Amino acid sequence: MTKKALVIFAEGAEDIELIITVDLLRRAEIDVTIGGLAGKDAVRTVQKVMITPDAALADVKDEFDVVIIPGGPGADKLCESDKVGKILQAQYKAKKLIAAICGAPKVLNAHKIAPGCEVTSFPKVKDEMIKGGYKYSENSVVLSDNVLTSRGPGTAPEFALKIVELLVGEQKAHEIKEELLFKF
């Protein structure tokens, strides 16, 4: 059975975190839907690359094995979205994987997802996460209570391959890592 991933995309998302994650998951034959917070129209990333979502987030009805949140200034918009909060709360309640990278763990805090679990994030978000009741780690990638977090653009390949490992298996993650010459 094909695994399914939802990547929630808002204007100002960090390019590397979005694109590498989508790329590596699709290489693993995971069915990825990029859900646009503002709809289906093309949206500008933080580095001004235009990306067209697969679907408007408001129209997404499927259940997913993982919901992924890239960082960047776009994460602030996700903190304010009731729709994002409902998706994350349903995912967490169903004990399914939620993955957030860079500044995106603050979206978990904003929507009260898994308070008390261990997380990592971009350094500027550390204090906010600690104040929110999360245990903080300096590790590149942290899995705790069905929540996967990672530090930033430089850890995006590790983050994405950990999602592949959790959904499809360690062997597939290893194959992709070797194929693309990742050395971590």
N, C-alpha and C. Protein backbone atom coordinates (compact mmCIF):
# COMPACT_ATOMS: atom_id res chain seq x y z
N MET A 1 0.83 -1.18 0.00
CA MET A 1 0.00 0.00 0.00
C MET A 1 0.89 1.25 0.00
N THR A 2 0.62 2.16 -0.90
CA THR A 2 1.40 3.38 -1.02
C THR A 2 1.17 4.29 0.17
N LYS A 3 2.26 4.79 0.72
CA LYS A 3 2.19 5.73 1.83
C LYS A 3 1.90 7.12 1.27
N LYS A 4 1.24 7.94 2.08
CA LYS A 4 0.82 9.26 1.64
C LYS A 4 1.35 10.34 2.58
N ALA A 5 1.83 11.43 1.97
CA ALA A 5 2.36 12.55 2.74
C ALA A 5 1.69 13.84 2.30
N LEU A 6 1.44 14.71 3.25
CA LEU A 6 0.96 16.05 2.99
C LEU A 6 2.04 17.03 3.44
N VAL A 7 2.46 17.90 2.53
CA VAL A 7 3.38 18.98 2.86
C VAL A 7 2.57 20.26 2.84
N ILE A 8 2.49 20.93 3.97
CA ILE A 8 1.72 22.17 4.05
C ILE A 8 2.63 23.32 3.64
N PHE A 9 2.19 24.06 2.64
CA PHE A 9 3.02 25.07 1.98
C PHE A 9 2.39 26.45 2.07
N ALA A 10 3.16 27.40 2.60
CA ALA A 10 2.72 28.80 2.66
C ALA A 10 3.80 29.68 2.05
N GLU A 11 3.40 30.84 1.58
CA GLU A 11 4.37 31.79 1.04
C GLU A 11 5.47 32.02 2.07
N GLY A 12 6.71 32.01 1.61
CA GLY A 12 7.85 32.21 2.50
C GLY A 12 8.41 30.93 3.08
N ALA A 13 7.96 29.77 2.58
CA ALA A 13 8.54 28.50 3.03
C ALA A 13 10.00 28.45 2.61
N GLU A 14 10.81 27.78 3.40
CA GLU A 14 12.23 27.61 3.08
C GLU A 14 12.36 26.61 1.93
N ASP A 15 12.94 27.07 0.83
CA ASP A 15 13.07 26.29 -0.40
C ASP A 15 13.69 24.91 -0.18
N ILE A 16 14.85 24.90 0.44
CA ILE A 16 15.60 23.65 0.60
C ILE A 16 14.77 22.63 1.38
N GLU A 17 14.15 23.05 2.44
CA GLU A 17 13.38 22.13 3.29
C GLU A 17 12.17 21.58 2.54
N LEU A 18 11.53 22.41 1.76
CA LEU A 18 10.37 21.99 0.98
C LEU A 18 10.78 21.07 -0.17
N ILE A 19 11.70 21.52 -0.99
CA ILE A 19 12.03 20.80 -2.22
C ILE A 19 12.77 19.50 -1.94
N ILE A 20 13.75 19.52 -1.05
CA ILE A 20 14.47 18.27 -0.76
C ILE A 20 13.54 17.23 -0.15
N THR A 21 12.68 17.67 0.75
CA THR A 21 11.77 16.71 1.38
C THR A 21 10.83 16.09 0.35
N VAL A 22 10.21 16.92 -0.47
CA VAL A 22 9.31 16.40 -1.50
C VAL A 22 10.07 15.48 -2.46
N ASP A 23 11.25 15.90 -2.90
CA ASP A 23 12.06 15.10 -3.83
C ASP A 23 12.37 13.72 -3.26
N LEU A 24 12.90 13.68 -2.04
CA LEU A 24 13.33 12.40 -1.49
C LEU A 24 12.14 11.48 -1.19
N LEU A 25 11.03 12.04 -0.76
CA LEU A 25 9.85 11.21 -0.52
C LEU A 25 9.31 10.65 -1.83
N ARG A 26 9.29 11.46 -2.87
CA ARG A 26 8.82 10.95 -4.17
C ARG A 26 9.77 9.90 -4.73
N ARG A 27 11.06 10.04 -4.51
CA ARG A 27 12.02 9.00 -4.92
C ARG A 27 11.71 7.68 -4.21
N ALA A 28 11.18 7.77 -3.01
CA ALA A 28 10.82 6.57 -2.23
C ALA A 28 9.43 6.07 -2.60
N GLU A 29 8.82 6.68 -3.61
CA GLU A 29 7.49 6.31 -4.10
C GLU A 29 6.39 6.55 -3.08
N ILE A 30 6.60 7.57 -2.26
CA ILE A 30 5.57 8.04 -1.34
C ILE A 30 4.73 9.06 -2.11
N ASP A 31 3.43 8.94 -2.01
CA ASP A 31 2.50 9.84 -2.70
C ASP A 31 2.46 11.16 -1.92
N VAL A 32 3.08 12.20 -2.47
CA VAL A 32 3.20 13.49 -1.79
C VAL A 32 2.21 14.49 -2.39
N THR A 33 1.45 15.12 -1.52
CA THR A 33 0.57 16.23 -1.90
C THR A 33 1.11 17.49 -1.25
N ILE A 34 1.39 18.51 -2.08
CA ILE A 34 1.77 19.82 -1.56
C ILE A 34 0.47 20.61 -1.44
N GLY A 35 0.08 20.90 -0.20
CA GLY A 35 -1.17 21.61 0.06
C GLY A 35 -0.90 23.08 0.31
N GLY A 36 -1.42 23.93 -0.56
CA GLY A 36 -1.19 25.36 -0.45
C GLY A 36 -2.13 26.03 0.53
N LEU A 37 -1.58 26.67 1.53
CA LEU A 37 -2.40 27.34 2.54
C LEU A 37 -3.31 28.39 1.90
N ALA A 38 -2.78 29.10 0.90
CA ALA A 38 -3.54 30.18 0.27
C ALA A 38 -4.31 29.73 -0.97
N GLY A 39 -4.28 28.43 -1.26
CA GLY A 39 -4.99 27.92 -2.43
C GLY A 39 -4.07 27.21 -3.39
N LYS A 40 -4.51 27.10 -4.65
CA LYS A 40 -3.76 26.34 -5.66
C LYS A 40 -2.84 27.20 -6.52
N ASP A 41 -2.90 28.51 -6.36
CA ASP A 41 -2.05 29.38 -7.18
C ASP A 41 -0.59 29.27 -6.75
N ALA A 42 0.31 29.53 -7.70
CA ALA A 42 1.74 29.51 -7.42
C ALA A 42 2.07 30.49 -6.29
N VAL A 43 2.99 30.09 -5.45
CA VAL A 43 3.38 30.86 -4.28
C VAL A 43 4.89 31.00 -4.26
N ARG A 44 5.36 32.12 -3.79
CA ARG A 44 6.79 32.41 -3.74
C ARG A 44 7.40 31.87 -2.44
N THR A 45 8.51 31.15 -2.57
CA THR A 45 9.26 30.67 -1.40
C THR A 45 10.11 31.82 -0.85
N VAL A 46 10.82 31.56 0.21
CA VAL A 46 11.66 32.59 0.82
C VAL A 46 12.74 33.08 -0.15
N GLN A 47 13.21 32.22 -1.04
CA GLN A 47 14.23 32.60 -2.02
C GLN A 47 13.60 33.03 -3.35
N LYS A 48 12.32 33.30 -3.34
CA LYS A 48 11.56 33.84 -4.47
C LYS A 48 11.41 32.87 -5.64
N VAL A 49 11.41 31.57 -5.34
CA VAL A 49 11.09 30.55 -6.34
C VAL A 49 9.57 30.36 -6.30
N MET A 50 8.96 30.34 -7.46
CA MET A 50 7.51 30.14 -7.52
C MET A 50 7.21 28.63 -7.58
N ILE A 51 6.38 28.17 -6.68
CA ILE A 51 5.98 26.77 -6.63
C ILE A 51 4.46 26.71 -6.62
N THR A 52 3.93 25.83 -7.46
CA THR A 52 2.49 25.66 -7.53
C THR A 52 2.09 24.44 -6.69
N PRO A 53 1.26 24.63 -5.68
CA PRO A 53 0.80 23.50 -4.86
C PRO A 53 0.00 22.50 -5.70
N ASP A 54 -0.05 21.27 -5.25
CA ASP A 54 -0.86 20.24 -5.91
C ASP A 54 -2.34 20.47 -5.65
N ALA A 55 -2.64 21.05 -4.50
CA ALA A 55 -4.04 21.24 -4.10
C ALA A 55 -4.11 22.40 -3.11
N ALA A 56 -5.28 23.01 -3.03
CA ALA A 56 -5.52 23.98 -1.97
C ALA A 56 -5.68 23.20 -0.67
N LEU A 57 -5.04 23.66 0.38
CA LEU A 57 -5.12 22.97 1.66
C LEU A 57 -6.58 22.83 2.11
N ALA A 58 -7.39 23.82 1.83
CA ALA A 58 -8.81 23.79 2.21
C ALA A 58 -9.56 22.64 1.54
N ASP A 59 -9.06 22.16 0.39
CA ASP A 59 -9.72 21.08 -0.34
C ASP A 59 -9.18 19.70 0.00
N VAL A 60 -8.11 19.64 0.78
CA VAL A 60 -7.49 18.36 1.10
C VAL A 60 -8.36 17.60 2.10
N LYS A 61 -8.78 16.41 1.72
CA LYS A 61 -9.66 15.60 2.57
C LYS A 61 -9.06 14.26 2.96
N ASP A 62 -7.99 13.86 2.27
CA ASP A 62 -7.39 12.54 2.50
C ASP A 62 -6.80 12.43 3.89
N GLU A 63 -6.56 11.19 4.27
CA GLU A 63 -5.77 10.92 5.47
C GLU A 63 -4.35 10.65 5.00
N PHE A 64 -3.39 11.05 5.81
CA PHE A 64 -1.98 10.94 5.42
C PHE A 64 -1.20 10.19 6.48
N ASP A 65 -0.15 9.51 6.04
CA ASP A 65 0.74 8.81 6.95
C ASP A 65 1.67 9.80 7.67
N VAL A 66 1.93 10.94 7.01
CA VAL A 66 2.74 11.99 7.61
C VAL A 66 2.23 13.34 7.11
N VAL A 67 2.25 14.31 8.01
CA VAL A 67 2.01 15.71 7.66
C VAL A 67 3.32 16.43 7.94
N ILE A 68 3.80 17.17 6.93
CA ILE A 68 5.13 17.79 6.99
C ILE A 68 4.99 19.30 6.91
N ILE A 69 5.76 19.99 7.76
CA ILE A 69 5.75 21.44 7.78
C ILE A 69 7.18 21.94 7.57
N PRO A 70 7.44 22.60 6.43
CA PRO A 70 8.76 23.22 6.25
C PRO A 70 8.83 24.53 7.03
N GLY A 71 10.05 24.97 7.29
CA GLY A 71 10.25 26.21 8.02
C GLY A 71 10.30 27.42 7.11
N GLY A 72 10.99 28.44 7.59
CA GLY A 72 11.05 29.71 6.89
C GLY A 72 9.97 30.64 7.43
N PRO A 73 9.94 31.88 6.96
CA PRO A 73 8.93 32.84 7.43
C PRO A 73 7.49 32.37 7.19
N GLY A 74 7.28 31.47 6.24
CA GLY A 74 5.95 30.94 5.99
C GLY A 74 5.36 30.20 7.18
N ALA A 75 6.22 29.72 8.07
CA ALA A 75 5.73 29.00 9.24
C ALA A 75 4.86 29.89 10.13
N ASP A 76 5.13 31.20 10.12
CA ASP A 76 4.30 32.12 10.93
C ASP A 76 2.84 32.07 10.47
N LYS A 77 2.62 31.98 9.18
CA LYS A 77 1.25 31.91 8.65
C LYS A 77 0.57 30.62 9.10
N LEU A 78 1.35 29.54 9.22
CA LEU A 78 0.79 28.26 9.64
C LEU A 78 0.41 28.29 11.11
N CYS A 79 1.13 29.07 11.90
CA CYS A 79 0.80 29.22 13.32
C CYS A 79 -0.58 29.84 13.50
N GLU A 80 -0.96 30.72 12.58
CA GLU A 80 -2.21 31.48 12.68
C GLU A 80 -3.41 30.77 12.05
N SER A 81 -3.18 29.64 11.35
CA SER A 81 -4.24 28.99 10.59
C SER A 81 -5.01 27.94 11.40
N ASP A 82 -6.31 28.15 11.54
CA ASP A 82 -7.16 27.16 12.20
C ASP A 82 -7.17 25.84 11.43
N LYS A 83 -7.16 25.92 10.09
CA LYS A 83 -7.15 24.71 9.25
C LYS A 83 -5.91 23.88 9.54
N VAL A 84 -4.76 24.52 9.61
CA VAL A 84 -3.52 23.81 9.92
C VAL A 84 -3.63 23.17 11.31
N GLY A 85 -4.14 23.91 12.28
CA GLY A 85 -4.31 23.37 13.62
C GLY A 85 -5.19 22.13 13.64
N LYS A 86 -6.29 22.16 12.90
CA LYS A 86 -7.20 21.00 12.85
C LYS A 86 -6.54 19.80 12.21
N ILE A 87 -5.78 20.04 11.12
CA ILE A 87 -5.07 18.94 10.46
C ILE A 87 -4.06 18.31 11.40
N LEU A 88 -3.27 19.14 12.07
CA LEU A 88 -2.24 18.63 12.98
C LEU A 88 -2.86 17.92 14.19
N GLN A 89 -3.92 18.47 14.75
CA GLN A 89 -4.56 17.83 15.89
C GLN A 89 -5.15 16.47 15.51
N ALA A 90 -5.76 16.38 14.34
CA ALA A 90 -6.32 15.10 13.88
C ALA A 90 -5.20 14.08 13.64
N GLN A 91 -4.11 14.54 13.04
CA GLN A 91 -2.96 13.66 12.77
C GLN A 91 -2.38 13.14 14.08
N TYR A 92 -2.22 14.03 15.05
CA TYR A 92 -1.65 13.64 16.34
C TYR A 92 -2.59 12.70 17.09
N LYS A 93 -3.87 13.01 17.08
CA LYS A 93 -4.86 12.16 17.76
C LYS A 93 -4.88 10.76 17.16
N ALA A 94 -4.67 10.66 15.83
CA ALA A 94 -4.64 9.36 15.15
C ALA A 94 -3.31 8.63 15.34
N LYS A 95 -2.38 9.26 16.08
CA LYS A 95 -1.06 8.68 16.35
C LYS A 95 -0.26 8.46 15.07
N LYS A 96 -0.44 9.40 14.13
CA LYS A 96 0.31 9.36 12.88
C LYS A 96 1.40 10.41 12.93
N LEU A 97 2.38 10.24 12.08
CA LEU A 97 3.58 11.06 12.09
C LEU A 97 3.32 12.50 11.68
N ILE A 98 3.92 13.42 12.43
CA ILE A 98 3.98 14.84 12.10
C ILE A 98 5.46 15.19 12.03
N ALA A 99 5.87 15.92 10.99
CA ALA A 99 7.28 16.26 10.82
C ALA A 99 7.41 17.77 10.59
N ALA A 100 8.28 18.42 11.37
CA ALA A 100 8.48 19.86 11.27
C ALA A 100 9.97 20.16 11.32
N ILE A 101 10.40 21.06 10.43
CA ILE A 101 11.83 21.37 10.33
C ILE A 101 12.07 22.87 10.46
N CYS A 102 13.22 23.21 11.02
CA CYS A 102 13.72 24.59 11.11
C CYS A 102 12.86 25.42 12.07
N GLY A 103 12.17 26.42 11.58
CA GLY A 103 11.29 27.23 12.41
C GLY A 103 9.92 26.64 12.59
N ALA A 104 9.60 25.58 11.84
CA ALA A 104 8.25 25.00 11.86
C ALA A 104 7.85 24.33 13.17
N PRO A 105 8.77 23.86 14.03
CA PRO A 105 8.29 23.34 15.30
C PRO A 105 7.45 24.35 16.09
N LYS A 106 7.64 25.65 15.86
CA LYS A 106 6.80 26.63 16.56
C LYS A 106 5.34 26.49 16.15
N VAL A 107 5.07 25.91 14.99
CA VAL A 107 3.69 25.64 14.57
C VAL A 107 3.08 24.58 15.49
N LEU A 108 3.89 23.61 15.88
CA LEU A 108 3.42 22.59 16.84
C LEU A 108 3.05 23.27 18.15
N ASN A 109 3.91 24.17 18.62
CA ASN A 109 3.66 24.89 19.86
C ASN A 109 2.39 25.74 19.74
N ALA A 110 2.23 26.43 18.64
CA ALA A 110 1.07 27.31 18.45
C ALA A 110 -0.24 26.54 18.50
N HIS A 111 -0.21 25.29 18.03
CA HIS A 111 -1.43 24.49 17.97
C HIS A 111 -1.48 23.41 19.07
N LYS A 112 -0.57 23.53 20.04
CA LYS A 112 -0.55 22.64 21.23
C LYS A 112 -0.45 21.16 20.84
N ILE A 113 0.48 20.86 19.93
CA ILE A 113 0.70 19.48 19.49
C ILE A 113 1.84 18.88 20.30
N ALA A 114 1.57 17.79 20.98
CA ALA A 114 2.56 17.00 21.72
C ALA A 114 3.41 17.80 22.70
N PRO A 115 2.78 18.67 23.52
CA PRO A 115 3.59 19.39 24.50
C PRO A 115 4.29 18.40 25.42
N GLY A 116 5.52 18.70 25.72
CA GLY A 116 6.30 17.82 26.59
C GLY A 116 7.18 16.85 25.83
N CYS A 117 6.95 16.68 24.54
CA CYS A 117 7.82 15.77 23.80
C CYS A 117 9.16 16.44 23.52
N GLU A 118 10.13 15.66 23.11
CA GLU A 118 11.45 16.18 22.79
C GLU A 118 11.46 16.68 21.36
N VAL A 119 12.02 17.86 21.14
CA VAL A 119 12.09 18.46 19.82
C VAL A 119 13.46 19.09 19.59
N THR A 120 13.71 19.41 18.34
CA THR A 120 14.82 20.26 17.96
C THR A 120 14.27 21.26 16.96
N SER A 121 15.06 22.29 16.63
CA SER A 121 14.58 23.33 15.72
C SER A 121 15.74 24.21 15.31
N PHE A 122 15.43 25.20 14.49
CA PHE A 122 16.39 26.25 14.21
C PHE A 122 16.69 26.94 15.54
N PRO A 123 17.95 27.32 15.79
CA PRO A 123 18.31 27.88 17.10
C PRO A 123 17.44 29.04 17.58
N LYS A 124 16.96 29.89 16.69
CA LYS A 124 16.15 31.04 17.10
C LYS A 124 14.79 30.64 17.68
N VAL A 125 14.40 29.39 17.50
CA VAL A 125 13.09 28.92 17.98
C VAL A 125 13.23 28.17 19.31
N LYS A 126 14.45 27.89 19.72
CA LYS A 126 14.71 27.09 20.91
C LYS A 126 13.97 27.60 22.14
N ASP A 127 14.14 28.88 22.48
CA ASP A 127 13.52 29.42 23.70
C ASP A 127 12.00 29.31 23.66
N GLU A 128 11.42 29.57 22.50
CA GLU A 128 9.96 29.47 22.35
C GLU A 128 9.48 28.04 22.62
N MET A 129 10.25 27.07 22.14
CA MET A 129 9.86 25.67 22.35
C MET A 129 9.99 25.27 23.82
N ILE A 130 11.04 25.72 24.45
CA ILE A 130 11.23 25.42 25.88
C ILE A 130 10.10 26.06 26.70
N LYS A 131 9.78 27.32 26.41
CA LYS A 131 8.69 28.01 27.11
C LYS A 131 7.35 27.31 26.87
N GLY A 132 7.21 26.65 25.72
CA GLY A 132 5.99 25.92 25.39
C GLY A 132 5.90 24.57 26.09
N GLY A 133 6.93 24.21 26.85
CA GLY A 133 6.91 22.96 27.60
C GLY A 133 7.56 21.78 26.91
N TYR A 134 8.23 22.02 25.80
CA TYR A 134 8.91 20.94 25.08
C TYR A 134 10.30 20.72 25.67
N LYS A 135 10.76 19.48 25.62
CA LYS A 135 12.15 19.17 25.96
C LYS A 135 12.96 19.47 24.71
N TYR A 136 14.12 20.08 24.88
CA TYR A 136 14.89 20.52 23.71
C TYR A 136 16.17 19.72 23.54
N SER A 137 16.46 19.40 22.28
CA SER A 137 17.67 18.67 21.92
C SER A 137 18.44 19.44 20.86
N GLU A 138 19.74 19.30 20.84
CA GLU A 138 20.59 19.92 19.81
C GLU A 138 20.86 18.92 18.67
N ASN A 139 20.27 17.73 18.71
CA ASN A 139 20.49 16.74 17.65
C ASN A 139 19.92 17.24 16.33
N SER A 140 20.43 16.72 15.23
CA SER A 140 20.00 17.12 13.88
C SER A 140 18.55 16.75 13.61
N VAL A 141 18.18 15.56 14.04
CA VAL A 141 16.84 15.04 13.81
C VAL A 141 16.39 14.35 15.10
N VAL A 142 15.17 14.64 15.54
CA VAL A 142 14.66 14.07 16.78
C VAL A 142 13.27 13.49 16.54
N LEU A 143 13.07 12.25 16.96
CA LEU A 143 11.75 11.61 16.91
C LEU A 143 11.28 11.38 18.33
N SER A 144 10.09 11.91 18.65
CA SER A 144 9.53 11.77 19.99
C SER A 144 8.01 11.85 19.87
N ASP A 145 7.33 10.84 20.38
CA ASP A 145 5.87 10.88 20.45
C ASP A 145 5.21 11.13 19.08
N ASN A 146 5.67 10.39 18.06
CA ASN A 146 5.17 10.52 16.68
C ASN A 146 5.40 11.90 16.08
N VAL A 147 6.31 12.66 16.65
CA VAL A 147 6.68 13.97 16.13
C VAL A 147 8.16 13.94 15.77
N LEU A 148 8.44 14.24 14.50
CA LEU A 148 9.81 14.29 13.99
C LEU A 148 10.16 15.75 13.76
N THR A 149 11.28 16.20 14.33
CA THR A 149 11.71 17.57 14.14
C THR A 149 13.16 17.58 13.68
N SER A 150 13.56 18.69 13.04
CA SER A 150 14.92 18.82 12.54
C SER A 150 15.34 20.28 12.60
N ARG A 151 16.64 20.54 12.49
CA ARG A 151 17.23 21.85 12.79
C ARG A 151 17.08 22.91 11.71
N GLY A 152 17.25 22.56 10.42
CA GLY A 152 17.21 23.60 9.40
C GLY A 152 17.59 23.11 8.03
N PRO A 153 17.85 24.03 7.10
CA PRO A 153 18.12 23.65 5.71
C PRO A 153 19.24 22.60 5.58
N GLY A 154 20.29 22.73 6.35
CA GLY A 154 21.41 21.79 6.26
C GLY A 154 21.07 20.39 6.72
N THR A 155 19.99 20.24 7.47
CA THR A 155 19.59 18.90 7.95
C THR A 155 18.42 18.33 7.15
N ALA A 156 18.01 19.04 6.11
CA ALA A 156 16.84 18.60 5.32
C ALA A 156 17.00 17.19 4.74
N PRO A 157 18.16 16.81 4.18
CA PRO A 157 18.26 15.43 3.67
C PRO A 157 18.09 14.38 4.78
N GLU A 158 18.71 14.60 5.94
CA GLU A 158 18.56 13.65 7.06
C GLU A 158 17.10 13.56 7.49
N PHE A 159 16.47 14.71 7.58
CA PHE A 159 15.05 14.81 7.96
C PHE A 159 14.18 14.01 6.99
N ALA A 160 14.36 14.27 5.70
CA ALA A 160 13.54 13.60 4.69
C ALA A 160 13.80 12.10 4.67
N LEU A 161 15.05 11.70 4.80
CA LEU A 161 15.36 10.27 4.78
C LEU A 161 14.85 9.57 6.04
N LYS A 162 14.76 10.28 7.14
CA LYS A 162 14.18 9.69 8.34
C LYS A 162 12.68 9.45 8.13
N ILE A 163 12.01 10.36 7.43
CA ILE A 163 10.60 10.14 7.09
C ILE A 163 10.48 8.92 6.20
N VAL A 164 11.35 8.81 5.20
CA VAL A 164 11.34 7.64 4.31
C VAL A 164 11.53 6.36 5.13
N GLU A 165 12.50 6.39 6.02
CA GLU A 165 12.76 5.22 6.87
C GLU A 165 11.53 4.84 7.69
N LEU A 166 10.89 5.82 8.29
CA LEU A 166 9.73 5.55 9.14
C LEU A 166 8.53 5.04 8.35
N LEU A 167 8.35 5.52 7.12
CA LEU A 167 7.19 5.13 6.33
C LEU A 167 7.42 3.91 5.45
N VAL A 168 8.62 3.81 4.87
CA VAL A 168 8.86 2.77 3.86
C VAL A 168 9.91 1.76 4.30
N GLY A 169 10.79 2.16 5.20
CA GLY A 169 11.78 1.24 5.71
C GLY A 169 13.20 1.74 5.56
N GLU A 170 14.04 1.21 6.43
CA GLU A 170 15.44 1.60 6.47
C GLU A 170 16.16 1.28 5.17
N GLN A 171 15.83 0.16 4.55
CA GLN A 171 16.49 -0.24 3.31
C GLN A 171 16.28 0.79 2.20
N LYS A 172 15.06 1.25 2.03
CA LYS A 172 14.76 2.25 0.99
C LYS A 172 15.48 3.56 1.29
N ALA A 173 15.50 3.98 2.54
CA ALA A 173 16.21 5.20 2.91
C ALA A 173 17.69 5.07 2.60
N HIS A 174 18.26 3.90 2.90
CA HIS A 174 19.68 3.65 2.62
C HIS A 174 19.96 3.67 1.11
N GLU A 175 19.08 3.07 0.33
CA GLU A 175 19.25 3.05 -1.13
C GLU A 175 19.28 4.48 -1.70
N ILE A 176 18.36 5.30 -1.25
CA ILE A 176 18.31 6.69 -1.74
C ILE A 176 19.54 7.46 -1.30
N LYS A 177 19.95 7.26 -0.06
CA LYS A 177 21.13 7.93 0.48
C LYS A 177 22.36 7.57 -0.35
N GLU A 178 22.52 6.29 -0.67
CA GLU A 178 23.66 5.85 -1.48
C GLU A 178 23.57 6.37 -2.90
N GLU A 179 22.39 6.30 -3.49
CA GLU A 179 22.17 6.74 -4.87
C GLU A 179 22.53 8.21 -5.05
N LEU A 180 22.24 9.03 -4.05
CA LEU A 180 22.46 10.48 -4.15
C LEU A 180 23.79 10.92 -3.53
N LEU A 181 24.58 9.96 -3.05
CA LEU A 181 25.92 10.22 -2.50
C LEU A 181 25.91 11.07 -1.23
N PHE A 182 24.85 10.98 -0.43
CA PHE A 182 24.85 11.66 0.86
C PHE A 182 25.87 10.97 1.76
N LYS A 183 26.62 11.76 2.52
CA LYS A 183 27.71 11.22 3.34
C LYS A 183 27.50 11.38 4.84
N PHE A 184 26.28 11.61 5.28
CA PHE A 184 26.03 11.74 6.72
C PHE A 184 25.69 10.39 7.29
